Amino acid sequence: MPAIVTDNCNGCRFTECVSVCPVECFHADDTMVYVDRETCIDCCACIPVCPVQAIYMEAELPAEKTWWVSLNREKAAAYPVITGRHEPIPGADEKRMSLGF
């Protein structure tokens, strides 16, 4: 089961996850990152490094977040792969603090 990026990433786009991914499965738009489930090798390296706890293994997604599976699939197909750490978007630190991290 691949990793799935969820709502806590939206408005932050921290990319520590990208920097540890061995297979370049992350894609990004202007507000967050998404995982290509076809490329993800289920290594889980991205989960503990996410500063806003936005990433879950698909099998461990809370029921209210399962719709993120299809959104990750859709957005990963629509946006380019990112390969390395990028600066978070403006306001990311404030969002992280509002989430309690």
Protein backbone atom coordinates (compact mmCIF):
# COMPACT_ATOMS: atom_id res chain seq x y z
CA MET A 1 0.00 0.00 0.00
CA PRO A 2 1.48 3.36 -0.99
CA ALA A 3 1.86 6.48 1.06
CA ILE A 4 -0.92 9.08 0.81
CA VAL A 5 -0.50 12.81 1.45
CA THR A 6 -3.48 14.42 3.19
CA ASP A 7 -4.88 17.78 4.23
CA ASN A 8 -2.19 18.83 6.71
CA CYS A 9 0.16 19.34 3.75
CA ASN A 10 -2.21 21.75 2.04
CA GLY A 11 -0.91 25.25 2.63
CA CYS A 12 2.50 24.12 3.83
CA ARG A 13 4.25 22.05 1.20
CA PHE A 14 7.18 21.13 3.37
CA THR A 15 9.29 18.79 1.28
CA GLU A 16 11.34 16.81 3.77
CA CYS A 17 9.39 13.83 2.42
CA VAL A 18 10.77 14.42 -1.07
CA SER A 19 14.35 14.56 0.18
CA VAL A 20 14.17 11.04 1.67
CA CYS A 21 12.18 9.33 -1.09
CA PRO A 22 14.36 6.76 -2.90
CA VAL A 23 12.14 6.56 -6.00
CA GLU A 24 10.99 10.12 -6.74
CA CYS A 25 7.26 9.48 -6.33
CA PHE A 26 6.29 12.99 -5.18
CA HIS A 27 4.55 15.53 -7.38
CA ALA A 28 3.65 19.10 -6.40
CA ASP A 29 1.31 21.94 -7.19
CA ASP A 30 1.30 25.43 -5.70
CA THR A 31 -0.07 24.33 -2.31
CA MET A 32 1.04 20.77 -1.51
CA VAL A 33 2.65 17.49 -2.62
CA TYR A 34 1.05 14.24 -3.77
CA VAL A 35 2.27 10.65 -4.08
CA ASP A 36 2.19 8.64 -7.29
CA ARG A 37 0.95 5.29 -6.03
CA GLU A 38 2.43 3.51 -9.05
CA THR A 39 5.94 4.72 -8.21
CA CYS A 40 5.81 4.53 -4.39
CA ILE A 41 7.59 1.44 -3.06
CA ASP A 42 5.99 1.54 0.40
CA CYS A 43 9.28 2.24 2.17
CA CYS A 44 7.59 4.62 4.68
CA ALA A 45 10.67 6.89 4.81
CA CYS A 46 8.52 9.96 4.20
CA ILE A 47 6.12 9.46 7.09
CA PRO A 48 8.35 10.24 10.09
CA VAL A 49 10.02 13.25 8.45
CA CYS A 50 6.81 15.13 7.63
CA PRO A 51 6.71 18.07 10.06
CA VAL A 52 2.90 18.29 9.93
CA GLN A 53 2.06 14.57 10.01
CA ALA A 54 0.31 14.75 6.65
CA ILE A 55 1.41 11.37 5.28
CA TYR A 56 -0.12 7.97 6.00
CA MET A 57 0.24 4.54 4.53
CA GLU A 58 -2.97 3.91 2.62
CA ALA A 59 -3.94 1.00 4.86
CA GLU A 60 -3.68 3.28 7.92
CA LEU A 61 -5.70 6.23 6.64
CA PRO A 62 -8.44 7.35 9.01
CA ALA A 63 -11.87 6.74 7.45
CA GLU A 64 -12.51 10.47 6.98
CA LYS A 65 -9.33 10.81 4.90
CA THR A 66 -9.82 7.96 2.41
CA TRP A 67 -10.89 10.36 -0.34
CA TRP A 68 -7.27 11.56 -0.43
CA VAL A 69 -6.34 8.31 -2.20
CA SER A 70 -8.12 9.36 -5.38
CA LEU A 71 -6.95 12.97 -5.08
CA ASN A 72 -3.30 11.86 -4.82
CA ARG A 73 -3.80 9.66 -7.90
CA GLU A 74 -5.38 12.50 -9.87
CA LYS A 75 -2.92 15.22 -8.86
CA ALA A 76 0.20 13.06 -9.23
CA ALA A 77 -0.82 12.41 -12.83
CA ALA A 78 -1.37 16.12 -13.47
CA TYR A 79 1.77 17.66 -11.93
CA PRO A 80 5.52 17.13 -12.43
CA VAL A 81 7.76 15.04 -10.22
CA ILE A 82 9.78 17.02 -7.72
CA THR A 83 13.22 15.74 -6.85
CA GLY A 84 14.65 17.38 -3.81
CA ARG A 85 13.79 19.69 -1.05
CA HIS A 86 12.10 22.99 -1.88
CA GLU A 87 11.28 25.94 0.33
CA PRO A 88 7.87 25.65 2.05
CA ILE A 89 5.25 28.03 0.75
CA PRO A 90 4.72 31.35 2.54
CA GLY A 91 2.70 30.85 5.71
CA ALA A 92 3.80 27.23 6.14
CA ASP A 93 5.33 27.77 9.57
CA GLU A 94 2.19 29.49 10.79
CA LYS A 95 0.04 26.61 9.53
CA ARG A 96 2.35 24.08 11.21
CA MET A 97 2.00 25.95 14.49
CA SER A 98 -1.79 26.14 14.10
CA LEU A 99 -1.81 22.36 13.68
CA GLY A 100 0.10 22.01 16.94
CA PHE A 101 3.46 20.90 15.52
